[in-house]
């Protein structure tokens, strides 16, 4: 998908606890952020279940940024910043869009399973259920930022 020298330009270590991944706005590159976040989480001691949650949330956030935030513009970028501090893994996904006007309603999972609704539109729902905390519509110099927080272990009340 990309050559080694391109990967060096995509991923930067900002400090010993912070990693930045700068992605082209092309579907498929969300996998780079997904695998970087998984490797980083493993290094700092996250368990496999939490890493799987993280990978899915990062992939969905990147895909939403590419498709909805950047409107699939080939000249746009998605910047994913990951930070681990005091048992908490924070991921920010920045796009060049204007953010969400309204959060979509939760999908009707049974209708989706029965194929009565399109299988699309699950991204925000998945993110909200896989991470401990999520913030939408934070603005930065890059544009819109989605911020996700995962604790090293499941929070009892967050999973009920």
N, C-alpha and C. Protein backbone atom coordinates (compact mmCIF):
# COMPACT_ATOMS: atom_id res chain seq x y z
N UNK A 1 0.82 -1.19 0.00
CA UNK A 1 0.00 0.00 0.00
C UNK A 1 0.87 1.26 0.00
N UNK A 2 1.94 1.28 0.80
CA UNK A 2 2.85 2.41 0.83
C UNK A 2 4.24 1.89 1.07
N UNK A 3 5.23 2.65 0.61
CA UNK A 3 6.62 2.24 0.77
C UNK A 3 7.14 2.66 2.15
N UNK A 4 8.24 2.07 2.56
CA UNK A 4 8.80 2.33 3.89
C UNK A 4 9.11 3.81 4.09
N UNK A 5 9.65 4.48 3.07
CA UNK A 5 9.98 5.89 3.26
C UNK A 5 8.72 6.75 3.40
N UNK A 6 7.62 6.33 2.81
CA UNK A 6 6.36 7.04 2.99
C UNK A 6 5.85 6.85 4.42
N UNK A 7 6.04 5.67 4.97
CA UNK A 7 5.58 5.41 6.34
C UNK A 7 6.29 6.32 7.31
N UNK A 8 7.59 6.57 7.10
CA UNK A 8 8.33 7.46 7.97
C UNK A 8 7.77 8.87 7.96
N UNK A 9 7.22 9.29 6.84
CA UNK A 9 6.61 10.61 6.74
C UNK A 9 5.22 10.62 7.36
N UNK A 10 4.57 9.48 7.44
CA UNK A 10 3.22 9.39 7.98
C UNK A 10 3.19 9.35 9.49
N UNK A 11 4.16 8.70 10.11
CA UNK A 11 4.13 8.46 11.55
C UNK A 11 5.28 9.22 12.21
N UNK A 12 4.92 10.01 13.25
CA UNK A 12 5.94 10.76 13.98
C UNK A 12 5.76 10.53 15.48
N UNK A 13 6.87 10.34 16.16
CA UNK A 13 6.86 10.27 17.62
C UNK A 13 7.06 11.70 18.12
N UNK A 14 6.03 12.27 18.75
CA UNK A 14 6.11 13.65 19.22
C UNK A 14 6.85 13.74 20.55
N UNK A 15 6.63 12.75 21.40
CA UNK A 15 7.41 12.56 22.62
C UNK A 15 7.22 11.09 23.01
N UNK A 16 7.79 10.67 24.15
CA UNK A 16 7.74 9.25 24.48
C UNK A 16 6.34 8.72 24.74
N UNK A 17 5.37 9.59 24.89
CA UNK A 17 3.99 9.18 25.18
C UNK A 17 2.99 9.62 24.10
N UNK A 18 3.49 10.24 23.02
CA UNK A 18 2.59 10.78 22.00
C UNK A 18 3.07 10.43 20.60
N UNK A 19 2.14 9.94 19.81
CA UNK A 19 2.41 9.51 18.44
C UNK A 19 1.43 10.20 17.51
N UNK A 20 1.90 10.65 16.35
CA UNK A 20 1.02 11.29 15.37
C UNK A 20 1.11 10.54 14.04
N UNK A 21 -0.06 10.29 13.46
CA UNK A 21 -0.14 9.63 12.16
C UNK A 21 -0.85 10.59 11.20
N UNK A 22 -0.19 10.94 10.12
CA UNK A 22 -0.73 11.88 9.14
C UNK A 22 -1.09 11.08 7.88
N UNK A 23 -2.38 10.98 7.63
CA UNK A 23 -2.88 10.10 6.57
C UNK A 23 -3.37 10.85 5.34
N UNK A 24 -3.14 10.28 4.16
CA UNK A 24 -3.83 10.81 2.99
C UNK A 24 -5.32 10.50 3.12
N UNK A 25 -6.13 11.29 2.48
CA UNK A 25 -7.59 11.13 2.58
C UNK A 25 -8.05 10.07 1.57
N UNK A 26 -7.62 8.85 1.84
CA UNK A 26 -7.93 7.75 0.92
C UNK A 26 -8.32 6.53 1.73
N UNK A 27 -9.52 6.01 1.45
CA UNK A 27 -10.00 4.83 2.17
C UNK A 27 -8.99 3.71 2.01
N UNK A 28 -8.68 3.06 3.10
CA UNK A 28 -7.66 2.02 3.15
C UNK A 28 -6.53 2.44 4.08
N UNK A 29 -6.22 3.74 4.08
CA UNK A 29 -5.16 4.25 4.94
C UNK A 29 -5.57 4.31 6.40
N UNK A 30 -6.87 4.16 6.69
CA UNK A 30 -7.29 4.08 8.10
C UNK A 30 -6.63 2.90 8.79
N UNK A 31 -6.25 1.90 7.99
CA UNK A 31 -5.57 0.72 8.56
C UNK A 31 -4.22 1.06 9.16
N UNK A 32 -3.56 2.07 8.60
CA UNK A 32 -2.27 2.50 9.16
C UNK A 32 -2.48 3.03 10.57
N UNK A 33 -3.47 3.90 10.75
CA UNK A 33 -3.76 4.45 12.08
C UNK A 33 -4.24 3.34 13.02
N UNK A 34 -5.03 2.44 12.50
CA UNK A 34 -5.55 1.33 13.30
C UNK A 34 -4.40 0.47 13.84
N UNK A 35 -3.47 0.10 12.99
CA UNK A 35 -2.35 -0.75 13.41
C UNK A 35 -1.37 0.00 14.30
N UNK A 36 -1.15 1.30 14.03
CA UNK A 36 -0.27 2.09 14.91
C UNK A 36 -0.86 2.19 16.30
N UNK A 37 -2.17 2.45 16.38
CA UNK A 37 -2.80 2.56 17.70
C UNK A 37 -2.75 1.22 18.43
N UNK A 38 -2.93 0.14 17.71
CA UNK A 38 -2.88 -1.20 18.33
C UNK A 38 -1.49 -1.49 18.87
N UNK A 39 -0.46 -1.20 18.08
CA UNK A 39 0.91 -1.45 18.51
C UNK A 39 1.27 -0.58 19.72
N UNK A 40 0.89 0.68 19.67
CA UNK A 40 1.17 1.60 20.78
C UNK A 40 0.46 1.13 22.05
N UNK A 41 -0.82 0.75 21.93
CA UNK A 41 -1.59 0.28 23.10
C UNK A 41 -0.98 -1.00 23.68
N UNK A 42 -0.49 -1.87 22.81
CA UNK A 42 0.14 -3.10 23.29
C UNK A 42 1.42 -2.79 24.06
N UNK A 43 2.21 -1.87 23.54
CA UNK A 43 3.47 -1.48 24.19
C UNK A 43 3.21 -0.95 25.60
N UNK A 44 2.14 -0.17 25.77
CA UNK A 44 1.88 0.43 27.09
C UNK A 44 1.07 -0.48 28.00
N UNK A 45 0.70 -1.68 27.51
CA UNK A 45 0.12 -2.68 28.41
C UNK A 45 -1.38 -2.92 28.31
N UNK A 46 -2.03 -2.43 27.27
CA UNK A 46 -3.46 -2.71 27.13
C UNK A 46 -3.70 -4.18 26.83
N UNK A 47 -4.82 -4.71 27.31
CA UNK A 47 -5.19 -6.10 27.04
C UNK A 47 -5.81 -6.18 25.64
N UNK A 48 -5.81 -7.39 25.11
CA UNK A 48 -6.27 -7.63 23.73
C UNK A 48 -7.68 -7.09 23.48
N UNK A 49 -8.62 -7.31 24.41
CA UNK A 49 -9.99 -6.83 24.22
C UNK A 49 -10.04 -5.32 24.03
N UNK A 50 -9.30 -4.59 24.85
CA UNK A 50 -9.29 -3.12 24.75
C UNK A 50 -8.61 -2.68 23.46
N UNK A 51 -7.57 -3.42 23.04
CA UNK A 51 -6.90 -3.10 21.78
C UNK A 51 -7.86 -3.30 20.62
N UNK A 52 -8.65 -4.36 20.65
CA UNK A 52 -9.64 -4.58 19.59
C UNK A 52 -10.68 -3.46 19.55
N UNK A 53 -11.14 -3.01 20.73
CA UNK A 53 -12.06 -1.87 20.80
C UNK A 53 -11.42 -0.64 20.19
N UNK A 54 -10.17 -0.39 20.57
CA UNK A 54 -9.43 0.77 20.07
C UNK A 54 -9.29 0.73 18.55
N UNK A 55 -8.89 -0.41 18.02
CA UNK A 55 -8.71 -0.55 16.57
C UNK A 55 -10.00 -0.22 15.81
N UNK A 56 -11.11 -0.77 16.28
CA UNK A 56 -12.38 -0.53 15.61
C UNK A 56 -12.77 0.95 15.70
N UNK A 57 -12.64 1.54 16.88
CA UNK A 57 -13.00 2.95 17.06
C UNK A 57 -12.12 3.86 16.20
N UNK A 58 -10.83 3.60 16.15
CA UNK A 58 -9.92 4.42 15.34
C UNK A 58 -10.25 4.28 13.86
N UNK A 59 -10.48 3.07 13.40
CA UNK A 59 -10.83 2.86 11.99
C UNK A 59 -12.12 3.60 11.63
N UNK A 60 -13.14 3.47 12.46
CA UNK A 60 -14.42 4.14 12.18
C UNK A 60 -14.27 5.66 12.19
N UNK A 61 -13.50 6.18 13.15
CA UNK A 61 -13.29 7.63 13.22
C UNK A 61 -12.54 8.14 12.00
N UNK A 62 -11.53 7.40 11.56
CA UNK A 62 -10.78 7.79 10.36
C UNK A 62 -11.65 7.74 9.11
N UNK A 63 -12.43 6.69 8.97
CA UNK A 63 -13.32 6.57 7.81
C UNK A 63 -14.34 7.70 7.78
N UNK A 64 -14.91 8.03 8.95
CA UNK A 64 -15.86 9.15 9.01
C UNK A 64 -15.17 10.46 8.65
N UNK A 65 -13.94 10.65 9.13
CA UNK A 65 -13.20 11.87 8.82
C UNK A 65 -12.95 11.98 7.31
N UNK A 66 -12.56 10.88 6.69
CA UNK A 66 -12.29 10.88 5.26
C UNK A 66 -13.55 11.14 4.44
N UNK A 67 -14.59 10.39 4.76
CA UNK A 67 -15.81 10.44 3.96
C UNK A 67 -16.67 11.66 4.26
N UNK A 68 -16.96 11.90 5.52
CA UNK A 68 -17.91 12.95 5.89
C UNK A 68 -17.22 14.29 6.16
N UNK A 69 -16.10 14.26 6.88
CA UNK A 69 -15.39 15.50 7.19
C UNK A 69 -14.71 16.08 5.97
N UNK A 70 -13.89 15.28 5.33
CA UNK A 70 -13.11 15.74 4.17
C UNK A 70 -13.81 15.52 2.84
N UNK A 71 -14.99 14.94 2.86
CA UNK A 71 -15.81 14.73 1.65
C UNK A 71 -15.04 14.00 0.55
N UNK A 72 -14.13 13.08 0.98
CA UNK A 72 -13.32 12.26 0.07
C UNK A 72 -12.43 13.09 -0.86
N UNK A 73 -12.14 14.34 -0.48
CA UNK A 73 -11.26 15.19 -1.30
C UNK A 73 -9.84 14.60 -1.29
N UNK A 74 -9.25 14.35 -2.45
CA UNK A 74 -7.92 13.73 -2.48
C UNK A 74 -6.81 14.62 -1.93
N UNK A 75 -7.01 15.92 -1.85
CA UNK A 75 -5.97 16.83 -1.35
C UNK A 75 -6.03 17.00 0.17
N UNK A 76 -7.06 16.48 0.81
CA UNK A 76 -7.24 16.65 2.26
C UNK A 76 -6.42 15.60 3.03
N UNK A 77 -6.24 15.85 4.34
CA UNK A 77 -5.50 14.94 5.21
C UNK A 77 -6.33 14.62 6.44
N UNK A 78 -6.00 13.50 7.07
CA UNK A 78 -6.56 13.13 8.36
C UNK A 78 -5.36 12.94 9.29
N UNK A 79 -5.39 13.62 10.44
CA UNK A 79 -4.28 13.54 11.40
C UNK A 79 -4.79 12.88 12.67
N UNK A 80 -4.15 11.77 13.02
CA UNK A 80 -4.53 11.00 14.20
C UNK A 80 -3.41 11.16 15.23
N UNK A 81 -3.77 11.65 16.42
CA UNK A 81 -2.80 11.83 17.49
C UNK A 81 -3.17 10.90 18.64
N UNK A 82 -2.21 10.12 19.09
CA UNK A 82 -2.42 9.16 20.18
C UNK A 82 -1.51 9.51 21.34
N UNK A 83 -2.09 9.50 22.53
CA UNK A 83 -1.30 9.84 23.72
C UNK A 83 -1.68 8.87 24.83
N UNK A 84 -0.67 8.36 25.54
CA UNK A 84 -0.91 7.51 26.69
C UNK A 84 -0.36 8.22 27.91
N UNK A 85 -1.22 8.35 28.93
CA UNK A 85 -0.79 9.00 30.16
C UNK A 85 -1.62 8.48 31.32
N UNK A 86 -0.96 7.97 32.33
CA UNK A 86 -1.61 7.58 33.58
C UNK A 86 -2.77 6.58 33.37
N UNK A 87 -2.53 5.54 32.58
CA UNK A 87 -3.55 4.51 32.37
C UNK A 87 -4.64 4.88 31.39
N UNK A 88 -4.50 6.01 30.73
CA UNK A 88 -5.52 6.47 29.79
C UNK A 88 -4.91 6.68 28.41
N UNK A 89 -5.59 6.15 27.41
CA UNK A 89 -5.16 6.27 26.02
C UNK A 89 -6.13 7.23 25.34
N UNK A 90 -5.62 8.34 24.84
CA UNK A 90 -6.45 9.35 24.18
C UNK A 90 -6.09 9.38 22.71
N UNK A 91 -7.11 9.34 21.85
CA UNK A 91 -6.92 9.42 20.41
C UNK A 91 -7.75 10.58 19.89
N UNK A 92 -7.09 11.47 19.14
CA UNK A 92 -7.79 12.56 18.48
C UNK A 92 -7.66 12.36 16.98
N UNK A 93 -8.78 12.48 16.28
CA UNK A 93 -8.81 12.32 14.83
C UNK A 93 -9.28 13.66 14.25
N UNK A 94 -8.38 14.33 13.52
CA UNK A 94 -8.67 15.65 12.97
C UNK A 94 -8.87 15.56 11.46
N UNK A 95 -9.91 16.22 10.98
CA UNK A 95 -10.12 16.32 9.54
C UNK A 95 -10.24 17.80 9.18
N UNK A 96 -10.44 18.10 7.93
CA UNK A 96 -10.52 19.48 7.46
C UNK A 96 -11.96 19.94 7.29
N UNK A 97 -12.88 19.21 7.88
CA UNK A 97 -14.30 19.54 7.76
C UNK A 97 -14.77 20.48 8.85
N UNK A 98 -16.08 20.69 8.86
CA UNK A 98 -16.68 21.64 9.79
C UNK A 98 -17.35 20.97 10.98
N UNK A 99 -17.31 19.65 11.06
CA UNK A 99 -17.90 18.95 12.19
C UNK A 99 -19.34 18.57 11.94
N UNK A 100 -19.91 17.92 12.92
CA UNK A 100 -21.30 17.46 12.83
C UNK A 100 -22.25 18.54 13.28
N UNK A 101 -23.34 18.69 12.56
CA UNK A 101 -24.38 19.60 13.00
C UNK A 101 -25.19 18.92 14.09
N UNK A 102 -25.63 17.70 13.83
CA UNK A 102 -26.37 16.91 14.79
C UNK A 102 -25.80 15.50 14.79
N UNK A 103 -25.71 14.90 15.96
CA UNK A 103 -25.30 13.51 16.04
C UNK A 103 -26.45 12.65 15.53
N UNK A 104 -26.14 11.63 14.75
CA UNK A 104 -27.21 10.76 14.27
C UNK A 104 -27.81 9.95 15.42
N UNK A 105 -29.06 9.56 15.25
CA UNK A 105 -29.71 8.69 16.23
C UNK A 105 -29.06 7.31 16.16
N UNK A 106 -29.13 6.58 17.27
CA UNK A 106 -28.63 5.22 17.26
C UNK A 106 -29.42 4.40 16.24
N UNK A 107 -28.73 3.55 15.49
CA UNK A 107 -29.41 2.74 14.49
C UNK A 107 -30.25 1.64 15.14
N UNK A 108 -31.19 1.14 14.38
CA UNK A 108 -32.00 -0.01 14.80
C UNK A 108 -31.24 -1.26 14.36
N UNK A 109 -30.51 -1.85 15.28
CA UNK A 109 -29.63 -2.98 14.97
C UNK A 109 -30.41 -4.15 14.39
N UNK A 110 -31.58 -4.45 14.95
CA UNK A 110 -32.37 -5.57 14.43
C UNK A 110 -32.77 -5.35 12.97
N UNK A 111 -33.13 -4.14 12.61
CA UNK A 111 -33.49 -3.85 11.21
C UNK A 111 -32.27 -3.98 10.31
N UNK A 112 -31.10 -3.59 10.82
CA UNK A 112 -29.88 -3.74 10.03
C UNK A 112 -29.54 -5.21 9.83
N UNK A 113 -29.70 -6.01 10.87
CA UNK A 113 -29.44 -7.45 10.77
C UNK A 113 -30.40 -8.10 9.78
N UNK A 114 -31.65 -7.68 9.83
CA UNK A 114 -32.68 -8.22 8.93
C UNK A 114 -32.60 -7.59 7.54
N UNK A 115 -31.61 -6.74 7.32
CA UNK A 115 -31.37 -6.04 6.06
C UNK A 115 -32.55 -5.17 5.65
N UNK A 116 -33.26 -4.62 6.64
CA UNK A 116 -34.34 -3.68 6.38
C UNK A 116 -33.81 -2.25 6.36
N UNK A 117 -32.56 -2.08 6.80
CA UNK A 117 -31.86 -0.80 6.73
C UNK A 117 -30.48 -1.06 6.14
N UNK A 118 -29.93 -0.04 5.53
CA UNK A 118 -28.58 -0.15 4.99
C UNK A 118 -27.58 -0.49 6.11
N UNK A 119 -26.55 -1.28 5.80
CA UNK A 119 -25.56 -1.60 6.84
C UNK A 119 -24.67 -0.40 7.19
N UNK A 120 -24.76 0.66 6.43
CA UNK A 120 -23.96 1.86 6.70
C UNK A 120 -24.54 2.62 7.89
N UNK A 121 -23.76 3.54 8.44
CA UNK A 121 -24.25 4.39 9.51
C UNK A 121 -24.04 3.84 10.91
N UNK A 122 -23.09 2.94 11.05
CA UNK A 122 -22.82 2.36 12.37
C UNK A 122 -21.60 2.98 13.06
N UNK A 123 -20.83 3.79 12.34
CA UNK A 123 -19.56 4.29 12.86
C UNK A 123 -19.65 4.99 14.20
N UNK A 124 -20.47 6.02 14.29
CA UNK A 124 -20.58 6.79 15.54
C UNK A 124 -21.16 5.92 16.64
N UNK A 125 -22.12 5.09 16.31
CA UNK A 125 -22.71 4.16 17.28
C UNK A 125 -21.62 3.25 17.86
N UNK A 126 -20.80 2.66 17.00
CA UNK A 126 -19.73 1.78 17.46
C UNK A 126 -18.72 2.54 18.34
N UNK A 127 -18.31 3.71 17.88
CA UNK A 127 -17.35 4.50 18.65
C UNK A 127 -17.89 4.77 20.05
N UNK A 128 -19.14 5.22 20.13
CA UNK A 128 -19.73 5.57 21.43
C UNK A 128 -19.80 4.37 22.37
N UNK A 129 -19.93 3.16 21.82
CA UNK A 129 -20.05 1.97 22.65
C UNK A 129 -18.73 1.27 22.93
N UNK A 130 -17.67 1.63 22.21
CA UNK A 130 -16.38 0.96 22.39
C UNK A 130 -15.39 1.74 23.26
N UNK A 131 -15.58 3.04 23.36
CA UNK A 131 -14.64 3.86 24.14
C UNK A 131 -15.31 4.32 25.43
N UNK A 132 -14.49 4.77 26.36
CA UNK A 132 -15.02 5.22 27.65
C UNK A 132 -15.57 6.63 27.60
N UNK A 133 -15.03 7.43 26.69
CA UNK A 133 -15.47 8.82 26.56
C UNK A 133 -15.22 9.26 25.13
N UNK A 134 -16.15 10.03 24.57
CA UNK A 134 -15.96 10.56 23.22
C UNK A 134 -16.49 11.99 23.17
N UNK A 135 -15.76 12.85 22.47
CA UNK A 135 -16.17 14.24 22.26
C UNK A 135 -16.17 14.50 20.77
N UNK A 136 -17.27 15.06 20.30
CA UNK A 136 -17.39 15.44 18.90
C UNK A 136 -17.29 16.95 18.78
N UNK A 137 -16.93 17.41 17.60
CA UNK A 137 -16.97 18.83 17.25
C UNK A 137 -15.98 19.71 17.99
N UNK A 138 -14.89 19.13 18.46
CA UNK A 138 -13.82 19.98 18.96
C UNK A 138 -13.16 20.59 17.72
N UNK A 139 -12.82 21.83 17.80
CA UNK A 139 -12.20 22.49 16.65
C UNK A 139 -10.72 22.74 16.93
N UNK A 140 -9.93 22.69 15.87
CA UNK A 140 -8.50 22.95 15.98
C UNK A 140 -8.08 23.71 14.73
N UNK A 141 -6.79 23.96 14.60
CA UNK A 141 -6.29 24.63 13.40
C UNK A 141 -6.51 23.76 12.16
N UNK A 142 -6.52 22.42 12.35
CA UNK A 142 -6.74 21.53 11.22
C UNK A 142 -8.20 21.50 10.78
N UNK A 143 -9.12 21.75 11.71
CA UNK A 143 -10.54 21.66 11.41
C UNK A 143 -11.27 20.98 12.54
N UNK A 144 -12.05 19.99 12.21
CA UNK A 144 -12.87 19.26 13.18
C UNK A 144 -12.05 18.15 13.84
N UNK A 145 -12.26 17.95 15.13
CA UNK A 145 -11.55 16.90 15.86
C UNK A 145 -12.54 16.05 16.65
N UNK A 146 -12.41 14.75 16.52
CA UNK A 146 -13.13 13.79 17.35
C UNK A 146 -12.10 13.27 18.36
N UNK A 147 -12.45 13.30 19.63
CA UNK A 147 -11.51 12.86 20.69
C UNK A 147 -12.12 11.68 21.42
N UNK A 148 -11.33 10.60 21.52
CA UNK A 148 -11.78 9.38 22.19
C UNK A 148 -10.83 9.06 23.33
N UNK A 149 -11.38 8.55 24.43
CA UNK A 149 -10.59 8.17 25.59
C UNK A 149 -10.90 6.73 25.95
N UNK A 150 -9.86 5.93 26.13
CA UNK A 150 -10.00 4.55 26.60
C UNK A 150 -9.15 4.37 27.83
N UNK A 151 -9.74 3.78 28.85
CA UNK A 151 -9.00 3.41 30.06
C UNK A 151 -8.38 2.04 29.83
N UNK A 152 -7.34 1.71 30.59
CA UNK A 152 -6.70 0.42 30.41
C UNK A 152 -7.62 -0.75 30.67
N UNK A 153 -8.56 -0.59 31.58
CA UNK A 153 -9.53 -1.66 31.84
C UNK A 153 -10.93 -1.08 31.67
N UNK A 154 -11.89 -1.96 31.46
CA UNK A 154 -13.27 -1.53 31.29
C UNK A 154 -13.78 -0.83 32.53
N UNK A 155 -14.50 0.24 32.33
CA UNK A 155 -15.18 0.91 33.44
C UNK A 155 -16.52 0.22 33.61
N UNK A 156 -16.83 -0.20 34.81
CA UNK A 156 -18.06 -0.95 35.06
C UNK A 156 -19.30 -0.26 34.51
N UNK A 157 -19.49 1.00 34.89
CA UNK A 157 -20.72 1.68 34.50
C UNK A 157 -20.73 2.06 33.02
N UNK A 158 -19.57 2.17 32.38
CA UNK A 158 -19.53 2.52 30.97
C UNK A 158 -19.93 1.36 30.08
N UNK A 159 -19.87 0.14 30.58
CA UNK A 159 -20.16 -1.04 29.77
C UNK A 159 -21.57 -1.57 29.98
N UNK A 160 -22.36 -0.97 30.87
CA UNK A 160 -23.71 -1.46 31.13
C UNK A 160 -24.72 -0.82 30.23
